[in-house]
C-alpha cells in the first residue's frame, strides 16, 4: 500500500514517475524532485511558457544562506502578479509562530 501511495503522489505532484523516486530518502530522489520543481518555477515565472510544466510542484522562491538566513530569490520579494510577500509578514490576528 505504501508503494502505491508513493507512486500516486509522485504522479500527482511531479507529473511522472522516475526510477529516482523509488527510494524517497535518497539524495538522487531529492535532486530529481528539486530539478523538477526548479524547472517548473522557471516556466511559471517566464514571460511565455514554451512547454507545459511537468506536474504542479514548484519551488518556493527562497534561498537559504550558509548561516541559515532565509531570503526571497532575487527579484521575487513578492509572489508573481501579487503584493504578497514571499517571506510573509506580521499579522494582528495570528501568533508569530504561524506563517502569514
PDB file of N, CA and C in Angstrom:
ATOM      1  N   UNK A   1       0.819  -1.200   0.000  1.00  0.00           N
ATOM      2  CA  UNK A   1       0.000   0.000   0.000  1.00  0.00           C
ATOM      3  C   UNK A   1       0.867   1.270   0.000  1.00  0.00           C
ATOM      4  N   UNK A   2       1.926   1.292   0.795  1.00  0.00           N
ATOM      5  CA  UNK A   2       2.802   2.459   0.847  1.00  0.00           C
ATOM      6  C   UNK A   2       3.420   2.710  -0.523  1.00  0.00           C
ATOM      7  N   UNK A   3       3.845   1.656  -1.196  1.00  0.00           N
ATOM      8  CA  UNK A   3       4.429   1.769  -2.529  1.00  0.00           C
ATOM      9  C   UNK A   3       3.430   2.419  -3.484  1.00  0.00           C
ATOM     10  N   UNK A   4       2.182   1.970  -3.423  1.00  0.00           N
ATOM     11  CA  UNK A   4       1.136   2.520  -4.299  1.00  0.00           C
ATOM     12  C   UNK A   4       0.905   4.002  -4.002  1.00  0.00           C
ATOM     13  N   UNK A   5       0.782   4.367  -2.726  1.00  0.00           N
ATOM     14  CA  UNK A   5       0.560   5.761  -2.340  1.00  0.00           C
ATOM     15  C   UNK A   5       1.713   6.653  -2.803  1.00  0.00           C
ATOM     16  N   UNK A   6       2.933   6.165  -2.682  1.00  0.00           N
ATOM     17  CA  UNK A   6       4.104   6.925  -3.115  1.00  0.00           C
ATOM     18  C   UNK A   6       4.036   7.186  -4.621  1.00  0.00           C
ATOM     19  N   UNK A   7       3.674   6.196  -5.389  1.00  0.00           N
ATOM     20  CA  UNK A   7       3.562   6.366  -6.844  1.00  0.00           C
ATOM     21  C   UNK A   7       2.443   7.320  -7.214  1.00  0.00           C
ATOM     22  N   UNK A   8       1.307   7.189  -6.548  1.00  0.00           N
ATOM     23  CA  UNK A   8       0.182   8.078  -6.835  1.00  0.00           C
ATOM     24  C   UNK A   8       0.571   9.519  -6.546  1.00  0.00           C
ATOM     25  N   UNK A   9       1.205   9.781  -5.412  1.00  0.00           N
ATOM     26  CA  UNK A   9       1.620  11.143  -5.053  1.00  0.00           C
ATOM     27  C   UNK A   9       2.697  11.649  -6.013  1.00  0.00           C
ATOM     28  N   UNK A  10       3.607  10.777  -6.374  1.00  0.00           N
ATOM     29  CA  UNK A  10       4.641  11.176  -7.325  1.00  0.00           C
ATOM     30  C   UNK A  10       4.040  11.582  -8.654  1.00  0.00           C
ATOM     31  N   UNK A  11       3.122  10.788  -9.151  1.00  0.00           N
ATOM     32  CA  UNK A  11       2.467  11.114 -10.416  1.00  0.00           C
ATOM     33  C   UNK A  11       1.639  12.381 -10.296  1.00  0.00           C
ATOM     34  N   UNK A  12       0.947  12.530  -9.181  1.00  0.00           N
ATOM     35  CA  UNK A  12       0.087  13.708  -8.990  1.00  0.00           C
ATOM     36  C   UNK A  12       0.899  14.997  -8.935  1.00  0.00           C
ATOM     37  N   UNK A  13       1.930  15.020  -8.126  1.00  0.00           N
ATOM     38  CA  UNK A  13       2.682  16.258  -7.902  1.00  0.00           C
ATOM     39  C   UNK A  13       3.803  16.482  -8.907  1.00  0.00           C
ATOM     40  N   UNK A  14       4.429  15.396  -9.337  1.00  0.00           N
ATOM     41  CA  UNK A  14       5.588  15.523 -10.210  1.00  0.00           C
ATOM     42  C   UNK A  14       5.274  15.250 -11.680  1.00  0.00           C
ATOM     43  N   UNK A  15       4.084  14.739 -11.956  1.00  0.00           N
ATOM     44  CA  UNK A  15       3.645  14.539 -13.324  1.00  0.00           C
ATOM     45  C   UNK A  15       4.247  13.348 -14.032  1.00  0.00           C
ATOM     46  N   UNK A  16       5.113  12.636 -13.365  1.00  0.00           N
ATOM     47  CA  UNK A  16       5.772  11.483 -13.968  1.00  0.00           C
ATOM     48  C   UNK A  16       6.318  10.607 -12.848  1.00  0.00           C
ATOM     49  N   UNK A  17       6.687   9.395 -13.199  1.00  0.00           N
ATOM     50  CA  UNK A  17       7.341   8.517 -12.236  1.00  0.00           C
ATOM     51  C   UNK A  17       8.697   8.149 -12.782  1.00  0.00           C
ATOM     52  N   UNK A  18       9.742   8.433 -12.023  1.00  0.00           N
ATOM     53  CA  UNK A  18      11.114   8.136 -12.431  1.00  0.00           C
ATOM     54  C   UNK A  18      11.729   7.129 -11.466  1.00  0.00           C
ATOM     55  N   UNK A  19      12.738   6.468 -11.925  1.00  0.00           N
ATOM     56  CA  UNK A  19      13.441   5.489 -11.101  1.00  0.00           C
ATOM     57  C   UNK A  19      13.949   6.114  -9.798  1.00  0.00           C
ATOM     58  N   UNK A  20      14.359   7.385  -9.854  1.00  0.00           N
ATOM     59  CA  UNK A  20      14.890   8.063  -8.658  1.00  0.00           C
ATOM     60  C   UNK A  20      13.876   8.122  -7.518  1.00  0.00           C
ATOM     61  N   UNK A  21      12.587   8.097  -7.838  1.00  0.00           N
ATOM     62  CA  UNK A  21      11.550   8.207  -6.814  1.00  0.00           C
ATOM     63  C   UNK A  21      11.337   6.906  -6.044  1.00  0.00           C
ATOM     64  N   UNK A  22      11.927   5.819  -6.515  1.00  0.00           N
ATOM     65  CA  UNK A  22      11.760   4.523  -5.854  1.00  0.00           C
ATOM     66  C   UNK A  22      12.285   4.541  -4.425  1.00  0.00           C
ATOM     67  N   UNK A  23      13.315   5.349  -4.174  1.00  0.00           N
ATOM     68  CA  UNK A  23      13.900   5.442  -2.835  1.00  0.00           C
ATOM     69  C   UNK A  23      13.802   6.895  -2.386  1.00  0.00           C
ATOM     70  N   UNK A  24      12.673   7.288  -1.771  1.00  0.00           N
ATOM     71  CA  UNK A  24      12.439   8.697  -1.446  1.00  0.00           C
ATOM     72  C   UNK A  24      13.424   9.298  -0.449  1.00  0.00           C
ATOM     73  N   UNK A  25      14.159   8.486   0.259  1.00  0.00           N
ATOM     74  CA  UNK A  25      15.141   9.006   1.210  1.00  0.00           C
ATOM     75  C   UNK A  25      16.518   9.231   0.601  1.00  0.00           C
ATOM     76  N   UNK A  26      16.655   8.936  -0.683  1.00  0.00           N
ATOM     77  CA  UNK A  26      17.969   9.029  -1.310  1.00  0.00           C
ATOM     78  C   UNK A  26      18.271  10.439  -1.804  1.00  0.00           C
ATOM     79  N   UNK A  27      19.550  10.731  -1.929  1.00  0.00           N
ATOM     80  CA  UNK A  27      19.990  12.017  -2.462  1.00  0.00           C
ATOM     81  C   UNK A  27      19.575  12.140  -3.923  1.00  0.00           C
ATOM     82  N   UNK A  28      19.552  11.029  -4.637  1.00  0.00           N
ATOM     83  CA  UNK A  28      19.134  11.051  -6.040  1.00  0.00           C
ATOM     84  C   UNK A  28      17.682  11.484  -6.173  1.00  0.00           C
ATOM     85  N   UNK A  29      16.825  10.993  -5.284  1.00  0.00           N
ATOM     86  CA  UNK A  29      15.421  11.387  -5.293  1.00  0.00           C
ATOM     87  C   UNK A  29      15.282  12.867  -4.977  1.00  0.00           C
ATOM     88  N   UNK A  30      15.985  13.322  -3.957  1.00  0.00           N
ATOM     89  CA  UNK A  30      15.923  14.732  -3.583  1.00  0.00           C
ATOM     90  C   UNK A  30      16.368  15.620  -4.749  1.00  0.00           C
ATOM     91  N   UNK A  31      17.443  15.234  -5.399  1.00  0.00           N
ATOM     92  CA  UNK A  31      17.942  16.021  -6.530  1.00  0.00           C
ATOM     93  C   UNK A  31      16.934  16.051  -7.679  1.00  0.00           C
ATOM     94  N   UNK A  32      16.316  14.918  -7.970  1.00  0.00           N
ATOM     95  CA  UNK A  32      15.351  14.854  -9.063  1.00  0.00           C
ATOM     96  C   UNK A  32      14.119  15.700  -8.756  1.00  0.00           C
ATOM     97  N   UNK A  33      13.608  15.613  -7.530  1.00  0.00           N
ATOM     98  CA  UNK A  33      12.447  16.418  -7.138  1.00  0.00           C
ATOM     99  C   UNK A  33      12.792  17.905  -7.231  1.00  0.00           C
ATOM    100  N   UNK A  34      13.959  18.297  -6.724  1.00  0.00           N
ATOM    101  CA  UNK A  34      14.381  19.701  -6.807  1.00  0.00           C
ATOM    102  C   UNK A  34      14.543  20.151  -8.250  1.00  0.00           C
ATOM    103  N   UNK A  35      15.066  19.279  -9.092  1.00  0.00           N
ATOM    104  CA  UNK A  35      15.242  19.606 -10.516  1.00  0.00           C
ATOM    105  C   UNK A  35      13.885  19.890 -11.176  1.00  0.00           C
ATOM    106  N   UNK A  36      12.915  19.030 -10.922  1.00  0.00           N
ATOM    107  CA  UNK A  36      11.575  19.215 -11.492  1.00  0.00           C
ATOM    108  C   UNK A  36      10.941  20.495 -10.943  1.00  0.00           C
ATOM    109  N   UNK A  37      11.041  20.714  -9.636  1.00  0.00           N
ATOM    110  CA  UNK A  37      10.440  21.896  -9.009  1.00  0.00           C
ATOM    111  C   UNK A  37      11.078  23.188  -9.520  1.00  0.00           C
ATOM    112  N   UNK A  38      12.400  23.202  -9.670  1.00  0.00           N
ATOM    113  CA  UNK A  38      13.084  24.399 -10.190  1.00  0.00           C
ATOM    114  C   UNK A  38      12.705  24.668 -11.643  1.00  0.00           C
ATOM    115  N   UNK A  39      12.640  23.606 -12.444  1.00  0.00           N
ATOM    116  CA  UNK A  39      12.256  23.768 -13.854  1.00  0.00           C
ATOM    117  C   UNK A  39      10.828  24.304 -13.945  1.00  0.00           C
ATOM    118  N   UNK A  40       9.933  23.825 -13.095  1.00  0.00           N
ATOM    119  CA  UNK A  40       8.558  24.322 -13.093  1.00  0.00           C
ATOM    120  C   UNK A  40       8.498  25.783 -12.658  1.00  0.00           C
ATOM    121  N   UNK A  41       9.319  26.171 -11.677  1.00  0.00           N
ATOM    122  CA  UNK A  41       9.363  27.570 -11.251  1.00  0.00           C
ATOM    123  C   UNK A  41       9.791  28.460 -12.420  1.00  0.00           C
ATOM    124  N   UNK A  42      10.831  28.040 -13.116  1.00  0.00           N
ATOM    125  CA  UNK A  42      11.314  28.823 -14.256  1.00  0.00           C
ATOM    126  C   UNK A  42      10.226  28.980 -15.321  1.00  0.00           C
ATOM    127  N   UNK A  43       9.477  27.932 -15.562  1.00  0.00           N
ATOM    128  CA  UNK A  43       8.372  28.005 -16.527  1.00  0.00           C
ATOM    129  C   UNK A  43       7.259  28.911 -16.006  1.00  0.00           C
ATOM    130  N   UNK A  44       6.988  28.828 -14.706  1.00  0.00           N
ATOM    131  CA  UNK A  44       5.913  29.614 -14.096  1.00  0.00           C
ATOM    132  C   UNK A  44       6.180  31.110 -14.186  1.00  0.00           C
ATOM    133  N   UNK A  45       7.429  31.519 -13.999  1.00  0.00           N
ATOM    134  CA  UNK A  45       7.745  32.947 -13.991  1.00  0.00           C
ATOM    135  C   UNK A  45       8.195  33.476 -15.352  1.00  0.00           C
ATOM    136  N   UNK A  46       8.291  32.608 -16.337  1.00  0.00           N
ATOM    137  CA  UNK A  46       8.710  33.040 -17.676  1.00  0.00           C
ATOM    138  C   UNK A  46       7.634  33.930 -18.300  1.00  0.00           C
ATOM    139  N   UNK A  47       8.060  34.832 -19.168  1.00  0.00           N
ATOM    140  CA  UNK A  47       7.112  35.692 -19.881  1.00  0.00           C
ATOM    141  C   UNK A  47       6.159  34.865 -20.734  1.00  0.00           C
ATOM    142  N   UNK A  48       6.677  33.824 -21.345  1.00  0.00           N
ATOM    143  CA  UNK A  48       5.856  32.912 -22.133  1.00  0.00           C
ATOM    144  C   UNK A  48       6.265  31.486 -21.802  1.00  0.00           C
ATOM    145  N   UNK A  49       5.279  30.612 -21.691  1.00  0.00           N
ATOM    146  CA  UNK A  49       5.568  29.223 -21.376  1.00  0.00           C
ATOM    147  C   UNK A  49       5.671  28.449 -22.693  1.00  0.00           C
ATOM    148  N   UNK A  50       6.909  28.115 -23.068  1.00  0.00           N
ATOM    149  CA  UNK A  50       7.145  27.399 -24.315  1.00  0.00           C
ATOM    150  C   UNK A  50       6.687  25.947 -24.246  1.00  0.00           C
ATOM    151  N   UNK A  51       6.795  25.361 -23.077  1.00  0.00           N
ATOM    152  CA  UNK A  51       6.343  23.991 -22.880  1.00  0.00           C
ATOM    153  C   UNK A  51       5.677  23.901 -21.514  1.00  0.00           C
ATOM    154  N   UNK A  52       4.733  22.993 -21.352  1.00  0.00           N
ATOM    155  CA  UNK A  52       3.997  22.920 -20.079  1.00  0.00           C
ATOM    156  C   UNK A  52       4.866  22.441 -18.930  1.00  0.00           C
ATOM    157  N   UNK A  53       4.435  22.786 -17.719  1.00  0.00           N
ATOM    158  CA  UNK A  53       5.119  22.300 -16.533  1.00  0.00           C
ATOM    159  C   UNK A  53       4.907  20.793 -16.431  1.00  0.00           C
ATOM    160  N   UNK A  54       5.853  20.124 -15.792  1.00  0.00           N
ATOM    161  CA  UNK A  54       5.741  18.696 -15.524  1.00  0.00           C
ATOM    162  C   UNK A  54       5.137  18.566 -14.131  1.00  0.00           C
ATOM    163  N   UNK A  55       3.889  18.146 -14.043  1.00  0.00           N
ATOM    164  CA  UNK A  55       3.198  18.095 -12.756  1.00  0.00           C
ATOM    165  C   UNK A  55       2.874  19.500 -12.293  1.00  0.00           C
ATOM    166  N   UNK A  56       2.715  19.674 -10.978  1.00  0.00           N
ATOM    167  CA  UNK A  56       2.412  21.007 -10.459  1.00  0.00           C
ATOM    168  C   UNK A  56       3.227  21.383  -9.225  1.00  0.00           C
ATOM    169  N   UNK A  57       4.327  20.683  -9.005  1.00  0.00           N
ATOM    170  CA  UNK A  57       5.221  21.029  -7.906  1.00  0.00           C
ATOM    171  C   UNK A  57       6.139  22.157  -8.364  1.00  0.00           C
ATOM    172  N   UNK A  58       6.195  23.225  -7.574  1.00  0.00           N
ATOM    173  CA  UNK A  58       7.012  24.392  -7.910  1.00  0.00           C
ATOM    174  C   UNK A  58       7.870  24.739  -6.696  1.00  0.00           C
ATOM    175  N   UNK A  59       9.117  25.089  -6.936  1.00  0.00           N
ATOM    176  CA  UNK A  59       9.987  25.514  -5.834  1.00  0.00           C
ATOM    177  C   UNK A  59       9.436  26.768  -5.177  1.00  0.00           C
ATOM    178  N   UNK A  60       9.582  26.852  -3.859  1.00  0.00           N
ATOM    179  CA  UNK A  60       9.231  28.071  -3.143  1.00  0.00           C
ATOM    180  C   UNK A  60      10.335  29.072  -3.434  1.00  0.00           C
ATOM    181  N   UNK A  61      10.008  30.312  -3.746  1.00  0.00           N
ATOM    182  CA  UNK A  61      11.019  31.271  -4.203  1.00  0.00           C
ATOM    183  C   UNK A  61      11.878  31.866  -3.091  1.00  0.00           C
ATOM    184  N   UNK A  62      12.642  30.988  -2.425  1.00  0.00           N
ATOM    185  CA  UNK A  62      13.550  31.442  -1.366  1.00  0.00           C
ATOM    186  C   UNK A  62      14.926  30.838  -1.588  1.00  0.00           C
ATOM    187  N   UNK A  63      15.875  31.398  -0.905  1.00  0.00           N
ATOM    188  CA  UNK A  63      17.211  30.826  -0.814  1.00  0.00           C
ATOM    189  C   UNK A  63      17.598  30.830   0.659  1.00  0.00           C
ATOM    190  N   UNK A  64      18.335  29.822   1.065  1.00  0.00           N
ATOM    191  CA  UNK A  64      18.789  29.726   2.453  1.00  0.00           C
ATOM    192  C   UNK A  64      20.311  29.855   2.438  1.00  0.00           C
ATOM    193  N   UNK A  65      20.807  30.868   3.142  1.00  0.00           N
ATOM    194  CA  UNK A  65      22.244  31.134   3.198  1.00  0.00           C
ATOM    195  C   UNK A  65      22.934  30.110   4.106  1.00  0.00           C
ATOM    196  N   UNK A  66      24.254  30.056   4.038  1.00  0.00           N
ATOM    197  CA  UNK A  66      25.039  29.129   4.861  1.00  0.00           C
ATOM    198  C   UNK A  66      24.759  29.308   6.355  1.00  0.00           C
ATOM    199  N   UNK A  67      24.489  30.555   6.778  1.00  0.00           N
ATOM    200  CA  UNK A  67      24.245  30.812   8.200  1.00  0.00           C
ATOM    201  C   UNK A  67      22.785  30.580   8.600  1.00  0.00           C
ATOM    202  N   UNK A  68      21.965  30.109   7.655  1.00  0.00           N
ATOM    203  CA  UNK A  68      20.566  29.817   7.951  1.00  0.00           C
ATOM    204  C   UNK A  68      19.603  30.947   7.635  1.00  0.00           C
ATOM    205  N   UNK A  69      20.122  32.078   7.202  1.00  0.00           N
ATOM    206  CA  UNK A  69      19.269  33.205   6.850  1.00  0.00           C
ATOM    207  C   UNK A  69      18.428  32.855   5.621  1.00  0.00           C
ATOM    208  N   UNK A  70      17.140  33.119   5.711  1.00  0.00           N
ATOM    209  CA  UNK A  70      16.223  32.844   4.608  1.00  0.00           C
ATOM    210  C   UNK A  70      15.930  34.158   3.898  1.00  0.00           C
ATOM    211  N   UNK A  71      16.079  34.151   2.585  1.00  0.00           N
ATOM    212  CA  UNK A  71      15.839  35.345   1.770  1.00  0.00           C
ATOM    213  C   UNK A  71      14.989  34.953   0.559  1.00  0.00           C
ATOM    214  N   UNK A  72      14.216  35.913   0.049  1.00  0.00           N
ATOM    215  CA  UNK A  72      13.498  35.623  -1.199  1.00  0.00           C
ATOM    216  C   UNK A  72      14.501  35.561  -2.351  1.00  0.00           C
ATOM    217  N   UNK A  73      14.155  34.824  -3.392  1.00  0.00           N
ATOM    218  CA  UNK A  73      15.004  34.821  -4.578  1.00  0.00           C
ATOM    219  C   UNK A  73      15.115  36.234  -5.108  1.00  0.00           C
ATOM    220  N   UNK A  74      16.262  36.580  -5.643  1.00  0.00           N
ATOM    221  CA  UNK A  74      16.474  37.918  -6.167  1.00  0.00           C
ATOM    222  C   UNK A  74      15.412  38.238  -7.219  1.00  0.00           C
ATOM    223  N   UNK A  75      14.766  39.378  -7.034  1.00  0.00           N
ATOM    224  CA  UNK A  75      13.725  39.806  -7.959  1.00  0.00           C
ATOM    225  C   UNK A  75      12.342  39.278  -7.619  1.00  0.00           C
ATOM    226  N   UNK A  76      12.240  38.477  -6.562  1.00  0.00           N
ATOM    227  CA  UNK A  76      10.943  37.896  -6.186  1.00  0.00           C
ATOM    228  C   UNK A  76      10.645  38.119  -4.709  1.00  0.00           C
ATOM    229  N   UNK A  77      10.671  39.382  -4.289  1.00  0.00           N
ATOM    230  CA  UNK A  77      10.307  39.701  -2.913  1.00  0.00           C
ATOM    231  C   UNK A  77       8.821  39.412  -2.695  1.00  0.00           C
ATOM    232  N   UNK A  78       8.025  39.549  -3.760  1.00  0.00           N
ATOM    233  CA  UNK A  78       6.595  39.217  -3.734  1.00  0.00           C
ATOM    234  C   UNK A  78       6.345  38.079  -4.717  1.00  0.00           C
ATOM    235  N   UNK A  79       5.280  37.334  -4.469  1.00  0.00           N
ATOM    236  CA  UNK A  79       4.899  36.302  -5.424  1.00  0.00           C
ATOM    237  C   UNK A  79       4.494  36.973  -6.733  1.00  0.00           C
ATOM    238  N   UNK A  80       4.780  36.334  -7.849  1.00  0.00           N
ATOM    239  CA  UNK A  80       4.445  36.937  -9.146  1.00  0.00           C
ATOM    240  C   UNK A  80       2.977  37.348  -9.222  1.00  0.00           C
ATOM    241  N   UNK A  81       2.750  38.522  -9.799  1.00  0.00           N
ATOM    242  CA  UNK A  81       1.405  39.059 -10.032  1.00  0.00           C
ATOM    243  C   UNK A  81       0.623  39.329  -8.750  1.00  0.00           C
ATOM    244  N   UNK A  82       1.315  39.469  -7.619  1.00  0.00           N
ATOM    245  CA  UNK A  82       0.621  39.756  -6.360  1.00  0.00           C
ATOM    246  C   UNK A  82       1.422  40.785  -5.564  1.00  0.00           C
ATOM    247  N   UNK A  83       0.839  41.212  -4.465  1.00  0.00           N
ATOM    248  CA  UNK A  83       1.532  42.064  -3.499  1.00  0.00           C
ATOM    249  C   UNK A  83       1.932  41.246  -2.267  1.00  0.00           C
ATOM    250  N   UNK A  84       1.731  39.924  -2.332  1.00  0.00           N
ATOM    251  CA  UNK A  84       2.013  39.044  -1.201  1.00  0.00           C
ATOM    252  C   UNK A  84       3.510  38.797  -1.063  1.00  0.00           C
ATOM    253  N   UNK A  85       4.056  39.142   0.086  1.00  0.00           N
ATOM    254  CA  UNK A  85       5.487  38.966   0.332  1.00  0.00           C
ATOM    255  C   UNK A  85       5.833  37.485   0.447  1.00  0.00           C
ATOM    256  N   UNK A  86       6.896  37.084  -0.215  1.00  0.00           N
ATOM    257  CA  UNK A  86       7.358  35.702  -0.176  1.00  0.00           C
ATOM    258  C   UNK A  86       7.672  35.281   1.257  1.00  0.00           C
ATOM    259  N   UNK A  87       8.282  36.167   2.031  1.00  0.00           N
ATOM    260  CA  UNK A  87       8.640  35.827   3.409  1.00  0.00           C
ATOM    261  C   UNK A  87       7.518  36.093   4.400  1.00  0.00           C
ATOM    262  N   UNK A  88       6.349  36.507   3.912  1.00  0.00           N
ATOM    263  CA  UNK A  88       5.222  36.745   4.802  1.00  0.00           C
ATOM    264  C   UNK A  88       5.355  38.055   5.543  1.00  0.00           C
ATOM    265  N   UNK A  89       4.532  38.221   6.542  1.00  0.00           N
ATOM    266  CA  UNK A  89       4.540  39.436   7.337  1.00  0.00           C
ATOM    267  C   UNK A  89       3.825  39.198   8.648  1.00  0.00           C
ATOM    268  N   UNK A  90       3.900  40.167   9.523  1.00  0.00           N
ATOM    269  CA  UNK A  90       3.246  40.050  10.823  1.00  0.00           C
ATOM    270  C   UNK A  90       1.738  40.237  10.664  1.00  0.00           C
ATOM    271  N   UNK A  91       1.012  39.552  11.495  1.00  0.00           N
ATOM    272  CA  UNK A  91      -0.440  39.614  11.475  1.00  0.00           C
ATOM    273  C   UNK A  91      -0.945  40.048  12.847  1.00  0.00           C
ATOM    274  N   UNK A  92      -1.944  40.873  12.845  1.00  0.00           N
ATOM    275  CA  UNK A  92      -2.563  41.295  14.099  1.00  0.00           C
ATOM    276  C   UNK A  92      -3.445  40.171  14.667  1.00  0.00           C
ATOM    277  N   UNK A  93      -3.802  39.213  13.823  1.00  0.00           N
ATOM    278  CA  UNK A  93      -4.727  38.155  14.219  1.00  0.00           C
ATOM    279  C   UNK A  93      -4.036  36.840  14.606  1.00  0.00           C
ATOM    280  N   UNK A  94      -2.876  36.553  14.007  1.00  0.00           N
ATOM    281  CA  UNK A  94      -2.220  35.268  14.221  1.00  0.00           C
ATOM    282  C   UNK A  94      -0.938  35.430  15.023  1.00  0.00           C
ATOM    283  N   UNK A  95      -0.609  34.402  15.803  1.00  0.00           N
ATOM    284  CA  UNK A  95       0.630  34.423  16.568  1.00  0.00           C
ATOM    285  C   UNK A  95       1.812  34.327  15.618  1.00  0.00           C
ATOM    286  N   UNK A  96       2.969  34.827  16.013  1.00  0.00           N
ATOM    287  CA  UNK A  96       4.137  34.891  15.142  1.00  0.00           C
ATOM    288  C   UNK A  96       4.673  33.526  14.715  1.00  0.00           C
ATOM    289  N   UNK A  97       4.363  32.468  15.459  1.00  0.00           N
ATOM    290  CA  UNK A  97       4.854  31.145  15.098  1.00  0.00           C
ATOM    291  C   UNK A  97       4.181  30.597  13.853  1.00  0.00           C
ATOM    292  N   UNK A  98       3.063  31.171  13.460  1.00  0.00           N
ATOM    293  CA  UNK A  98       2.368  30.748  12.255  1.00  0.00           C
ATOM    294  C   UNK A  98       2.867  31.536  11.069  1.00  0.00           C
ATOM    295  N   UNK A  99       2.899  30.926   9.907  1.00  0.00           N
ATOM    296  CA  UNK A  99       3.275  31.621   8.678  1.00  0.00           C
ATOM    297  C   UNK A  99       2.106  32.466   8.231  1.00  0.00           C
ATOM    298  N   UNK A 100       2.379  33.713   7.927  1.00  0.00           N
ATOM    299  CA  UNK A 100       1.305  34.609   7.468  1.00  0.00           C
ATOM    300  C   UNK A 100       1.622  35.142   6.099  1.00  0.00           C
TER     301      UNK A 100
END
